[in-house]
């Protein structure tokens, strides 16, 4: 009986000393305010950015070696990465000043083009050096015809300056801005070279 009580007491002491770890959430940096929207020109709709299954739970992921994939249990994004990427793309398209309007494809808005895609990689890579990789597969379609007019898989790696998770997040943030910037530049170039006769 005494042994049982002492074990129970020890268990209570251990439980009292074990405080749950706090989950740390991260968001992407604020984007620059948009330029003035064009008075005339195409209307862009931004569709869904899906992601691979591993990225859908919001945890920050890493790759170690050729095959191991893991995640930081207590370090998470404020939203799933697919939503963060869609928001960044929408803000960047608006900031380009090349469109009369940039809207969510889920709205009732009528548009000239729709851009959508899939986030393939948004992770830390552990090797001889620590880097991050963002890989985004995008496509652009004409709404009227449904024709695919542009598609590209954009991938970029960025070095991590130190070994803390916050440094990984900062690298992923920088990395995504490069990928989004390249995507918006390519979309702007296509739209400028192929004006729609029906553009408003």
N, C-alpha and C. Protein backbone atom coordinates (compact mmCIF):
# COMPACT_ATOMS: atom_id res chain seq x y z
N UNK A 1 0.82 -1.20 0.00
CA UNK A 1 0.00 0.00 0.00
C UNK A 1 0.86 1.26 0.00
N UNK A 2 1.88 1.25 0.81
CA UNK A 2 2.78 2.40 0.86
C UNK A 2 3.47 2.61 -0.48
N UNK A 3 3.86 1.49 -1.13
CA UNK A 3 4.53 1.58 -2.42
C UNK A 3 3.60 2.20 -3.46
N UNK A 4 2.32 1.76 -3.45
CA UNK A 4 1.35 2.30 -4.40
C UNK A 4 1.15 3.80 -4.19
N UNK A 5 1.08 4.20 -2.94
CA UNK A 5 0.87 5.62 -2.67
C UNK A 5 2.08 6.44 -3.10
N UNK A 6 3.26 5.92 -2.89
CA UNK A 6 4.44 6.67 -3.27
C UNK A 6 4.55 6.78 -4.79
N UNK A 7 4.16 5.73 -5.50
CA UNK A 7 4.17 5.78 -6.97
C UNK A 7 3.14 6.78 -7.48
N UNK A 8 1.96 6.77 -6.85
CA UNK A 8 0.92 7.73 -7.25
C UNK A 8 1.38 9.16 -6.99
N UNK A 9 2.03 9.35 -5.84
CA UNK A 9 2.51 10.69 -5.51
C UNK A 9 3.56 11.15 -6.51
N UNK A 10 4.44 10.22 -6.88
CA UNK A 10 5.47 10.56 -7.88
C UNK A 10 4.84 10.93 -9.21
N UNK A 11 3.81 10.16 -9.59
CA UNK A 11 3.14 10.45 -10.85
C UNK A 11 2.51 11.83 -10.84
N UNK A 12 1.88 12.20 -9.70
CA UNK A 12 1.28 13.53 -9.59
C UNK A 12 2.33 14.63 -9.66
N UNK A 13 3.46 14.38 -9.02
CA UNK A 13 4.53 15.37 -9.07
C UNK A 13 5.07 15.55 -10.48
N UNK A 14 5.21 14.44 -11.19
CA UNK A 14 5.69 14.52 -12.58
C UNK A 14 4.70 15.26 -13.46
N UNK A 15 3.40 14.96 -13.28
CA UNK A 15 2.38 15.64 -14.08
C UNK A 15 2.34 17.13 -13.78
N UNK A 16 2.52 17.47 -12.51
CA UNK A 16 2.50 18.88 -12.12
C UNK A 16 3.66 19.64 -12.75
N UNK A 17 4.79 18.94 -12.93
CA UNK A 17 5.97 19.59 -13.49
C UNK A 17 5.98 19.65 -15.01
N UNK A 18 5.08 18.91 -15.64
CA UNK A 18 5.04 18.87 -17.11
C UNK A 18 4.01 19.86 -17.63
N UNK A 19 4.45 21.01 -18.03
CA UNK A 19 3.54 21.98 -18.63
C UNK A 19 3.53 21.78 -20.14
N UNK A 20 2.35 21.86 -20.76
CA UNK A 20 2.29 21.63 -22.20
C UNK A 20 3.06 22.70 -22.97
N UNK A 21 3.68 22.29 -24.06
CA UNK A 21 4.43 23.25 -24.88
C UNK A 21 3.47 24.17 -25.61
N UNK A 22 3.88 25.39 -25.74
CA UNK A 22 3.07 26.39 -26.44
C UNK A 22 3.32 26.29 -27.94
N UNK A 23 2.24 26.26 -28.71
CA UNK A 23 2.37 26.23 -30.16
C UNK A 23 2.69 27.63 -30.66
N UNK A 24 3.74 27.75 -31.46
CA UNK A 24 4.14 29.04 -32.02
C UNK A 24 3.61 29.14 -33.45
N UNK A 25 2.89 30.24 -33.73
CA UNK A 25 2.33 30.43 -35.07
C UNK A 25 3.11 31.50 -35.81
N UNK A 26 3.18 31.34 -37.14
CA UNK A 26 3.94 32.27 -37.99
C UNK A 26 3.07 32.71 -39.16
N UNK A 27 3.31 33.93 -39.60
CA UNK A 27 2.65 34.44 -40.79
C UNK A 27 3.68 35.04 -41.72
N UNK A 28 3.28 35.26 -42.96
CA UNK A 28 4.17 35.88 -43.93
C UNK A 28 4.20 37.38 -43.68
N UNK A 29 5.27 38.03 -44.14
CA UNK A 29 5.39 39.47 -43.93
C UNK A 29 4.34 40.21 -44.74
N UNK A 30 4.03 41.41 -44.29
CA UNK A 30 3.03 42.23 -44.97
C UNK A 30 3.54 42.63 -46.35
N UNK A 31 2.63 42.68 -47.30
CA UNK A 31 3.00 43.05 -48.66
C UNK A 31 2.89 44.56 -48.82
N UNK A 32 3.56 45.07 -49.86
CA UNK A 32 3.50 46.50 -50.15
C UNK A 32 2.08 46.88 -50.57
N UNK A 33 1.66 48.11 -50.30
CA UNK A 33 0.32 48.52 -50.74
C UNK A 33 0.22 48.47 -52.27
N UNK A 34 -0.95 48.10 -52.80
CA UNK A 34 -1.08 47.95 -54.25
C UNK A 34 -0.96 49.27 -54.98
N UNK A 35 -0.47 49.17 -56.22
CA UNK A 35 -0.49 50.34 -57.09
C UNK A 35 -1.94 50.60 -57.48
N UNK A 36 -2.17 51.76 -58.10
CA UNK A 36 -3.51 52.06 -58.56
C UNK A 36 -3.91 51.04 -59.63
N UNK A 37 -5.11 50.52 -59.53
CA UNK A 37 -5.59 49.58 -60.54
C UNK A 37 -5.75 50.29 -61.87
N UNK A 38 -5.58 49.54 -62.95
CA UNK A 38 -5.70 50.12 -64.28
C UNK A 38 -7.13 50.58 -64.52
N UNK A 39 -7.29 51.70 -65.24
CA UNK A 39 -8.64 52.21 -65.53
C UNK A 39 -9.38 51.26 -66.47
N UNK A 40 -8.62 50.67 -67.39
CA UNK A 40 -9.19 49.68 -68.30
C UNK A 40 -8.24 48.50 -68.33
N UNK A 41 -8.70 47.40 -68.88
CA UNK A 41 -7.84 46.24 -68.97
C UNK A 41 -8.53 44.99 -68.48
N UNK A 42 -7.81 43.88 -68.47
CA UNK A 42 -8.42 42.61 -68.09
C UNK A 42 -8.73 42.51 -66.61
N UNK A 43 -9.70 41.67 -66.32
CA UNK A 43 -10.04 41.34 -64.93
C UNK A 43 -9.47 39.95 -64.65
N UNK A 44 -8.70 39.87 -63.57
CA UNK A 44 -8.04 38.62 -63.21
C UNK A 44 -8.78 37.98 -62.02
N UNK A 45 -9.08 36.70 -62.16
CA UNK A 45 -9.62 35.93 -61.05
C UNK A 45 -8.53 35.02 -60.52
N UNK A 46 -8.45 34.90 -59.22
CA UNK A 46 -7.46 34.02 -58.59
C UNK A 46 -8.21 32.82 -58.02
N UNK A 47 -7.92 31.65 -58.58
CA UNK A 47 -8.58 30.43 -58.14
C UNK A 47 -7.83 29.77 -57.00
N UNK A 48 -8.20 28.55 -56.74
CA UNK A 48 -7.65 27.82 -55.60
C UNK A 48 -6.19 27.44 -55.83
N UNK A 49 -5.39 27.55 -54.79
CA UNK A 49 -4.04 27.01 -54.79
C UNK A 49 -4.08 25.77 -53.89
N UNK A 50 -4.09 24.61 -54.49
CA UNK A 50 -4.09 23.38 -53.72
C UNK A 50 -2.66 23.10 -53.25
N UNK A 51 -2.49 22.08 -52.45
CA UNK A 51 -1.15 21.71 -52.00
C UNK A 51 -1.07 20.21 -51.81
N UNK A 52 0.14 19.70 -51.78
CA UNK A 52 0.31 18.28 -51.51
C UNK A 52 -0.19 17.99 -50.10
N UNK A 53 -0.57 16.77 -49.85
CA UNK A 53 -1.20 16.39 -48.58
C UNK A 53 -0.37 16.77 -47.36
N UNK A 54 0.94 16.60 -47.46
CA UNK A 54 1.81 16.85 -46.30
C UNK A 54 1.77 18.30 -45.83
N UNK A 55 1.42 19.23 -46.72
CA UNK A 55 1.43 20.65 -46.36
C UNK A 55 0.10 21.16 -45.85
N UNK A 56 -0.92 20.32 -45.82
CA UNK A 56 -2.26 20.82 -45.55
C UNK A 56 -2.57 21.03 -44.08
N UNK A 57 -1.75 20.50 -43.18
CA UNK A 57 -2.06 20.64 -41.76
C UNK A 57 -1.50 21.90 -41.11
N UNK A 58 -0.74 22.69 -41.87
CA UNK A 58 -0.24 23.96 -41.35
C UNK A 58 1.07 23.89 -40.59
N UNK A 59 1.59 22.68 -40.32
CA UNK A 59 2.86 22.58 -39.62
C UNK A 59 4.01 22.93 -40.57
N UNK A 60 5.10 23.44 -40.02
CA UNK A 60 6.27 23.76 -40.83
C UNK A 60 7.06 22.48 -41.06
N UNK A 61 7.36 22.20 -42.32
CA UNK A 61 7.93 20.91 -42.70
C UNK A 61 9.42 21.01 -43.05
N UNK A 62 10.09 19.87 -42.92
CA UNK A 62 11.49 19.79 -43.32
C UNK A 62 11.76 18.46 -44.01
N UNK A 63 12.78 18.46 -44.85
CA UNK A 63 13.28 17.25 -45.50
C UNK A 63 14.70 17.02 -45.02
N UNK A 64 15.00 15.78 -44.66
CA UNK A 64 16.35 15.43 -44.24
C UNK A 64 16.82 14.25 -45.06
N UNK A 65 17.91 14.44 -45.80
CA UNK A 65 18.39 13.39 -46.68
C UNK A 65 17.46 13.21 -47.87
N UNK A 66 17.59 12.07 -48.53
CA UNK A 66 16.84 11.84 -49.76
C UNK A 66 15.38 11.48 -49.51
N UNK A 67 15.08 10.88 -48.35
CA UNK A 67 13.74 10.32 -48.17
C UNK A 67 12.97 10.77 -46.94
N UNK A 68 13.66 11.26 -45.91
CA UNK A 68 12.96 11.57 -44.65
C UNK A 68 12.25 12.91 -44.71
N UNK A 69 10.99 12.89 -44.31
CA UNK A 69 10.17 14.09 -44.25
C UNK A 69 9.62 14.21 -42.84
N UNK A 70 9.72 15.36 -42.26
CA UNK A 70 9.20 15.56 -40.91
C UNK A 70 8.56 16.93 -40.76
N UNK A 71 8.08 17.22 -39.57
CA UNK A 71 7.45 18.51 -39.32
C UNK A 71 7.72 18.94 -37.88
N UNK A 72 7.69 20.24 -37.66
CA UNK A 72 7.84 20.80 -36.32
C UNK A 72 6.46 20.86 -35.67
N UNK A 73 6.25 20.01 -34.70
CA UNK A 73 4.92 19.86 -34.09
C UNK A 73 4.42 21.15 -33.47
N UNK A 74 5.31 21.96 -32.90
CA UNK A 74 4.89 23.16 -32.18
C UNK A 74 5.16 24.45 -32.94
N UNK A 75 5.41 24.34 -34.25
CA UNK A 75 5.66 25.52 -35.08
C UNK A 75 4.78 25.40 -36.32
N UNK A 76 3.81 26.32 -36.43
CA UNK A 76 2.80 26.20 -37.48
C UNK A 76 2.51 27.55 -38.12
N UNK A 77 1.99 27.48 -39.35
CA UNK A 77 1.53 28.66 -40.05
C UNK A 77 0.16 29.06 -39.52
N UNK A 78 -0.16 30.34 -39.63
CA UNK A 78 -1.48 30.82 -39.19
C UNK A 78 -2.59 30.24 -40.05
N UNK A 79 -2.28 29.94 -41.31
CA UNK A 79 -3.23 29.30 -42.24
C UNK A 79 -2.47 28.22 -43.00
N UNK A 80 -3.17 27.26 -43.60
CA UNK A 80 -2.47 26.30 -44.45
C UNK A 80 -1.69 27.03 -45.54
N UNK A 81 -0.51 26.53 -45.93
CA UNK A 81 0.32 27.24 -46.91
C UNK A 81 -0.39 27.56 -48.23
N UNK A 82 -1.30 26.71 -48.68
CA UNK A 82 -2.02 27.00 -49.93
C UNK A 82 -2.79 28.31 -49.85
N UNK A 83 -3.38 28.59 -48.70
CA UNK A 83 -4.12 29.85 -48.51
C UNK A 83 -3.15 31.03 -48.44
N UNK A 84 -2.04 30.85 -47.73
CA UNK A 84 -1.04 31.92 -47.65
C UNK A 84 -0.50 32.27 -49.03
N UNK A 85 -0.25 31.25 -49.85
CA UNK A 85 0.28 31.49 -51.20
C UNK A 85 -0.77 32.20 -52.06
N UNK A 86 -2.02 31.76 -51.97
CA UNK A 86 -3.08 32.42 -52.75
C UNK A 86 -3.21 33.89 -52.37
N UNK A 87 -3.18 34.19 -51.08
CA UNK A 87 -3.27 35.58 -50.63
C UNK A 87 -2.09 36.40 -51.15
N UNK A 88 -0.89 35.84 -51.10
CA UNK A 88 0.30 36.54 -51.59
C UNK A 88 0.21 36.80 -53.09
N UNK A 89 -0.27 35.81 -53.83
CA UNK A 89 -0.41 35.97 -55.28
C UNK A 89 -1.45 37.03 -55.61
N UNK A 90 -2.56 37.04 -54.90
CA UNK A 90 -3.62 38.03 -55.13
C UNK A 90 -3.10 39.44 -54.87
N UNK A 91 -2.40 39.63 -53.74
CA UNK A 91 -1.85 40.96 -53.42
C UNK A 91 -0.83 41.40 -54.46
N UNK A 92 0.02 40.46 -54.90
CA UNK A 92 1.06 40.82 -55.87
C UNK A 92 0.47 41.17 -57.23
N UNK A 93 -0.57 40.47 -57.64
CA UNK A 93 -1.23 40.81 -58.91
C UNK A 93 -1.88 42.20 -58.83
N UNK A 94 -2.50 42.49 -57.70
CA UNK A 94 -3.08 43.83 -57.52
C UNK A 94 -2.00 44.90 -57.52
N UNK A 95 -0.89 44.60 -56.84
CA UNK A 95 0.19 45.59 -56.73
C UNK A 95 0.87 45.86 -58.06
N UNK A 96 0.72 44.95 -59.01
CA UNK A 96 1.38 45.15 -60.32
C UNK A 96 0.78 46.32 -61.09
N UNK A 97 -0.47 46.67 -60.81
CA UNK A 97 -1.12 47.79 -61.51
C UNK A 97 -1.47 47.49 -62.95
N UNK A 98 -1.45 46.22 -63.35
CA UNK A 98 -1.70 45.85 -64.75
C UNK A 98 -3.15 45.42 -65.01
N UNK A 99 -3.95 45.32 -63.96
CA UNK A 99 -5.30 44.79 -64.12
C UNK A 99 -6.34 45.78 -63.61
N UNK A 100 -7.50 45.75 -64.25
CA UNK A 100 -8.59 46.60 -63.79
C UNK A 100 -9.11 46.11 -62.45
N UNK A 101 -9.06 44.79 -62.28
CA UNK A 101 -9.53 44.21 -61.03
C UNK A 101 -8.88 42.85 -60.83
N UNK A 102 -8.62 42.50 -59.59
CA UNK A 102 -8.12 41.17 -59.23
C UNK A 102 -9.02 40.67 -58.11
N UNK A 103 -9.73 39.57 -58.38
CA UNK A 103 -10.74 39.11 -57.43
C UNK A 103 -10.64 37.61 -57.20
N UNK A 104 -11.27 37.17 -56.13
CA UNK A 104 -11.34 35.76 -55.81
C UNK A 104 -12.27 35.06 -56.79
N UNK A 105 -11.82 33.93 -57.32
CA UNK A 105 -12.64 33.20 -58.28
C UNK A 105 -13.90 32.64 -57.65
N UNK A 106 -13.94 32.57 -56.34
CA UNK A 106 -15.13 32.07 -55.66
C UNK A 106 -16.26 33.09 -55.63
N UNK A 107 -15.97 34.30 -56.01
CA UNK A 107 -17.00 35.34 -56.01
C UNK A 107 -17.83 35.22 -57.28
N UNK A 108 -18.84 36.07 -57.40
CA UNK A 108 -19.70 36.05 -58.59
C UNK A 108 -19.13 36.90 -59.71
N UNK A 109 -17.93 37.42 -59.53
CA UNK A 109 -17.34 38.31 -60.52
C UNK A 109 -17.06 37.60 -61.83
N UNK A 110 -17.25 38.33 -62.91
CA UNK A 110 -16.91 37.85 -64.24
C UNK A 110 -15.49 38.29 -64.53
N UNK A 111 -14.67 37.41 -65.08
CA UNK A 111 -13.28 37.75 -65.35
C UNK A 111 -12.84 37.39 -66.74
N UNK A 112 -11.68 37.90 -67.12
CA UNK A 112 -11.09 37.58 -68.42
C UNK A 112 -10.12 36.41 -68.32
N UNK A 113 -9.40 36.35 -67.20
CA UNK A 113 -8.43 35.27 -66.97
C UNK A 113 -8.63 34.70 -65.57
N UNK A 114 -8.22 33.46 -65.41
CA UNK A 114 -8.17 32.86 -64.08
C UNK A 114 -6.82 32.18 -63.90
N UNK A 115 -6.19 32.43 -62.77
CA UNK A 115 -4.92 31.78 -62.43
C UNK A 115 -5.16 30.87 -61.24
N UNK A 116 -4.63 29.68 -61.30
CA UNK A 116 -4.74 28.72 -60.20
C UNK A 116 -3.55 27.79 -60.25
N UNK A 117 -3.38 26.97 -59.22
CA UNK A 117 -2.21 26.10 -59.24
C UNK A 117 -2.12 25.18 -58.06
N UNK A 118 -0.92 24.64 -57.87
CA UNK A 118 -0.67 23.69 -56.79
C UNK A 118 0.69 23.97 -56.17
N UNK A 119 0.71 24.03 -54.85
CA UNK A 119 1.95 24.21 -54.11
C UNK A 119 2.57 22.83 -53.87
N UNK A 120 3.74 22.61 -54.46
CA UNK A 120 4.38 21.30 -54.39
C UNK A 120 5.40 21.20 -53.26
N UNK A 121 6.02 22.32 -52.94
CA UNK A 121 7.07 22.32 -51.90
C UNK A 121 7.06 23.65 -51.18
N UNK A 122 7.13 23.59 -49.85
CA UNK A 122 7.18 24.78 -49.01
C UNK A 122 7.85 24.35 -47.72
N UNK A 123 9.14 24.01 -47.81
CA UNK A 123 9.79 23.27 -46.73
C UNK A 123 11.24 23.67 -46.54
N UNK A 124 11.74 23.31 -45.36
CA UNK A 124 13.17 23.37 -45.06
C UNK A 124 13.85 22.14 -45.67
N UNK A 125 15.04 22.34 -46.21
CA UNK A 125 15.85 21.23 -46.75
C UNK A 125 17.13 21.14 -45.94
N UNK A 126 17.36 20.00 -45.31
CA UNK A 126 18.55 19.82 -44.49
C UNK A 126 19.56 18.96 -45.26
N UNK A 127 20.72 19.54 -45.52
CA UNK A 127 21.80 18.83 -46.18
C UNK A 127 23.12 19.34 -45.63
N UNK A 128 24.11 19.52 -46.50
CA UNK A 128 25.37 20.09 -46.05
C UNK A 128 25.16 21.52 -45.55
N UNK A 129 24.12 22.17 -46.09
CA UNK A 129 23.70 23.48 -45.61
C UNK A 129 22.18 23.45 -45.49
N UNK A 130 21.63 24.32 -44.68
CA UNK A 130 20.17 24.39 -44.53
C UNK A 130 19.63 25.43 -45.50
N UNK A 131 18.68 25.01 -46.31
CA UNK A 131 18.02 25.92 -47.25
C UNK A 131 16.51 25.70 -47.15
N UNK A 132 15.77 26.52 -47.85
CA UNK A 132 14.34 26.27 -48.01
C UNK A 132 14.04 26.20 -49.49
N UNK A 133 12.94 25.52 -49.81
CA UNK A 133 12.51 25.41 -51.21
C UNK A 133 11.02 25.70 -51.32
N UNK A 134 10.69 26.54 -52.29
CA UNK A 134 9.30 26.79 -52.66
C UNK A 134 9.14 26.37 -54.11
N UNK A 135 8.16 25.52 -54.36
CA UNK A 135 7.88 25.05 -55.71
C UNK A 135 6.38 25.18 -55.96
N UNK A 136 6.03 25.98 -56.97
CA UNK A 136 4.64 26.32 -57.24
C UNK A 136 4.34 26.11 -58.71
N UNK A 137 3.35 25.28 -58.99
CA UNK A 137 2.91 24.98 -60.36
C UNK A 137 1.67 25.81 -60.64
N UNK A 138 1.76 26.75 -61.60
CA UNK A 138 0.65 27.66 -61.89
C UNK A 138 0.19 27.52 -63.33
N UNK A 139 -1.08 27.85 -63.55
CA UNK A 139 -1.61 27.91 -64.91
C UNK A 139 -2.53 29.12 -65.04
N UNK A 140 -2.59 29.64 -66.26
CA UNK A 140 -3.43 30.79 -66.58
C UNK A 140 -4.36 30.39 -67.73
N UNK A 141 -5.64 30.61 -67.56
CA UNK A 141 -6.62 30.27 -68.60
C UNK A 141 -7.48 31.48 -68.94
N UNK A 142 -7.88 31.55 -70.21
CA UNK A 142 -8.89 32.51 -70.62
C UNK A 142 -10.24 32.02 -70.12
N UNK A 143 -10.99 32.89 -69.53
CA UNK A 143 -12.29 32.48 -69.01
C UNK A 143 -13.29 32.20 -70.13
N UNK A 144 -13.26 33.02 -71.17
CA UNK A 144 -14.27 32.89 -72.23
C UNK A 144 -14.14 31.58 -72.98
N UNK A 145 -12.91 31.21 -73.33
CA UNK A 145 -12.68 30.00 -74.12
C UNK A 145 -12.30 28.79 -73.27
N UNK A 146 -11.82 29.04 -72.06
CA UNK A 146 -11.31 27.96 -71.22
C UNK A 146 -9.93 27.49 -71.65
N UNK A 147 -9.32 28.19 -72.60
CA UNK A 147 -8.04 27.77 -73.16
C UNK A 147 -6.89 28.05 -72.19
N UNK A 148 -6.01 27.06 -72.05
CA UNK A 148 -4.79 27.25 -71.26
C UNK A 148 -3.82 28.10 -72.07
N UNK A 149 -3.43 29.25 -71.53
CA UNK A 149 -2.59 30.16 -72.29
C UNK A 149 -1.17 30.29 -71.72
N UNK A 150 -1.00 29.86 -70.47
CA UNK A 150 0.33 29.94 -69.87
C UNK A 150 0.37 28.98 -68.69
N UNK A 151 1.49 28.31 -68.53
CA UNK A 151 1.70 27.48 -67.34
C UNK A 151 3.20 27.38 -67.08
N UNK A 152 3.53 27.26 -65.83
CA UNK A 152 4.94 27.15 -65.46
C UNK A 152 5.06 26.61 -64.04
N UNK A 153 6.09 25.79 -63.83
CA UNK A 153 6.42 25.37 -62.47
C UNK A 153 7.60 26.23 -62.03
N UNK A 154 7.38 27.01 -61.00
CA UNK A 154 8.40 27.94 -60.51
C UNK A 154 8.98 27.39 -59.22
N UNK A 155 10.30 27.24 -59.19
CA UNK A 155 10.98 26.70 -58.02
C UNK A 155 12.15 27.61 -57.66
N UNK A 156 12.31 27.83 -56.36
CA UNK A 156 13.43 28.67 -55.91
C UNK A 156 13.91 28.16 -54.56
N UNK A 157 15.22 28.15 -54.36
CA UNK A 157 15.83 27.79 -53.08
C UNK A 157 16.45 29.03 -52.44
N UNK A 158 16.43 29.06 -51.11
CA UNK A 158 16.96 30.21 -50.39
C UNK A 158 17.73 29.70 -49.18
N UNK A 159 18.92 30.26 -48.90
CA UNK A 159 19.68 29.81 -47.73
C UNK A 159 19.04 30.27 -46.43
N UNK A 160 19.16 29.44 -45.40
CA UNK A 160 18.69 29.79 -44.05
C UNK A 160 19.89 30.36 -43.30
N UNK A 161 19.72 31.53 -42.71
CA UNK A 161 20.85 32.24 -42.11
C UNK A 161 21.30 31.66 -40.77
N UNK A 162 20.38 31.03 -40.04
CA UNK A 162 20.72 30.41 -38.75
C UNK A 162 19.84 29.18 -38.57
N UNK A 163 19.92 28.55 -37.41
CA UNK A 163 19.29 27.24 -37.22
C UNK A 163 17.97 27.26 -36.47
N UNK A 164 17.46 28.42 -36.13
CA UNK A 164 16.18 28.49 -35.42
C UNK A 164 15.03 28.40 -36.43
N UNK A 165 13.86 27.95 -35.93
CA UNK A 165 12.69 27.84 -36.81
C UNK A 165 12.31 29.22 -37.36
N UNK A 166 12.47 30.26 -36.56
CA UNK A 166 12.17 31.61 -37.04
C UNK A 166 13.02 31.98 -38.25
N UNK A 167 14.25 31.48 -38.30
CA UNK A 167 15.11 31.74 -39.46
C UNK A 167 14.63 30.97 -40.69
N UNK A 168 14.11 29.77 -40.46
CA UNK A 168 13.53 28.98 -41.55
C UNK A 168 12.31 29.71 -42.11
N UNK A 169 11.47 30.23 -41.23
CA UNK A 169 10.28 30.98 -41.64
C UNK A 169 10.67 32.20 -42.46
N UNK A 170 11.68 32.95 -42.00
CA UNK A 170 12.13 34.13 -42.74
C UNK A 170 12.63 33.76 -44.13
N UNK A 171 13.33 32.63 -44.23
CA UNK A 171 13.81 32.17 -45.53
C UNK A 171 12.65 31.77 -46.44
N UNK A 172 11.68 31.06 -45.90
CA UNK A 172 10.51 30.67 -46.70
C UNK A 172 9.74 31.90 -47.17
N UNK A 173 9.66 32.91 -46.32
CA UNK A 173 8.99 34.16 -46.67
C UNK A 173 9.69 34.83 -47.85
N UNK A 174 11.01 35.00 -47.74
CA UNK A 174 11.79 35.59 -48.84
C UNK A 174 11.65 34.77 -50.11
N UNK A 175 11.74 33.48 -49.93
CA UNK A 175 11.69 32.55 -51.04
C UNK A 175 10.38 32.67 -51.80
N UNK A 176 9.28 32.68 -51.06
CA UNK A 176 7.96 32.78 -51.69
C UNK A 176 7.81 34.09 -52.45
N UNK A 177 8.34 35.19 -51.89
CA UNK A 177 8.23 36.48 -52.58
C UNK A 177 8.94 36.45 -53.93
N UNK A 178 10.06 35.74 -54.01
CA UNK A 178 10.76 35.59 -55.30
C UNK A 178 9.90 34.81 -56.28
N UNK A 179 9.35 33.68 -55.83
CA UNK A 179 8.52 32.84 -56.70
C UNK A 179 7.28 33.59 -57.17
N UNK A 180 6.60 34.26 -56.25
CA UNK A 180 5.40 35.03 -56.61
C UNK A 180 5.76 36.17 -57.55
N UNK A 181 6.87 36.85 -57.29
CA UNK A 181 7.31 37.93 -58.17
C UNK A 181 7.57 37.44 -59.58
N UNK A 182 8.22 36.29 -59.71
CA UNK A 182 8.48 35.72 -61.03
C UNK A 182 7.19 35.33 -61.73
N UNK A 183 6.24 34.79 -60.97
CA UNK A 183 4.96 34.39 -61.55
C UNK A 183 4.19 35.60 -62.06
N UNK A 184 4.12 36.64 -61.25
CA UNK A 184 3.37 37.84 -61.65
C UNK A 184 4.02 38.50 -62.86
N UNK A 185 5.34 38.52 -62.90
CA UNK A 185 6.05 39.09 -64.05
C UNK A 185 5.72 38.32 -65.32
N UNK A 186 5.71 36.99 -65.25
CA UNK A 186 5.41 36.17 -66.43
C UNK A 186 3.96 36.35 -66.87
N UNK A 187 3.04 36.42 -65.91
CA UNK A 187 1.62 36.62 -66.24
C UNK A 187 1.42 38.00 -66.86
N UNK A 188 2.04 39.03 -66.27
CA UNK A 188 1.93 40.38 -66.82
C UNK A 188 2.45 40.44 -68.25
N UNK A 189 3.58 39.76 -68.50
CA UNK A 189 4.17 39.76 -69.83
C UNK A 189 3.22 39.11 -70.84
N UNK A 190 2.61 37.98 -70.46
CA UNK A 190 1.69 37.32 -71.38
C UNK A 190 0.47 38.21 -71.67
N UNK A 191 -0.12 38.76 -70.62
CA UNK A 191 -1.34 39.55 -70.79
C UNK A 191 -1.06 40.79 -71.63
N UNK A 192 0.10 41.43 -71.42
CA UNK A 192 0.44 42.62 -72.20
C UNK A 192 0.65 42.28 -73.68
N UNK A 193 1.18 41.09 -73.97
CA UNK A 193 1.44 40.70 -75.35
C UNK A 193 0.22 40.13 -76.05
N UNK A 194 -0.83 39.81 -75.29
CA UNK A 194 -2.03 39.20 -75.88
C UNK A 194 -3.27 39.91 -75.36
N UNK A 195 -3.45 41.17 -75.75
CA UNK A 195 -4.63 41.91 -75.25
C UNK A 195 -5.93 41.28 -75.75
N UNK A 196 -6.93 41.27 -74.89
CA UNK A 196 -8.24 40.73 -75.29
C UNK A 196 -9.06 41.82 -75.92
N UNK A 197 -9.73 41.48 -77.01
CA UNK A 197 -10.57 42.48 -77.67
C UNK A 197 -11.73 42.89 -76.79
N UNK A 198 -12.08 42.00 -75.86
CA UNK A 198 -13.20 42.27 -74.97
C UNK A 198 -12.78 42.93 -73.66
N UNK A 199 -11.47 43.25 -73.53
CA UNK A 199 -11.00 43.84 -72.28
C UNK A 199 -11.77 45.12 -71.97
N UNK A 200 -12.12 45.30 -70.72
CA UNK A 200 -12.97 46.42 -70.33
C UNK A 200 -12.17 47.72 -70.24
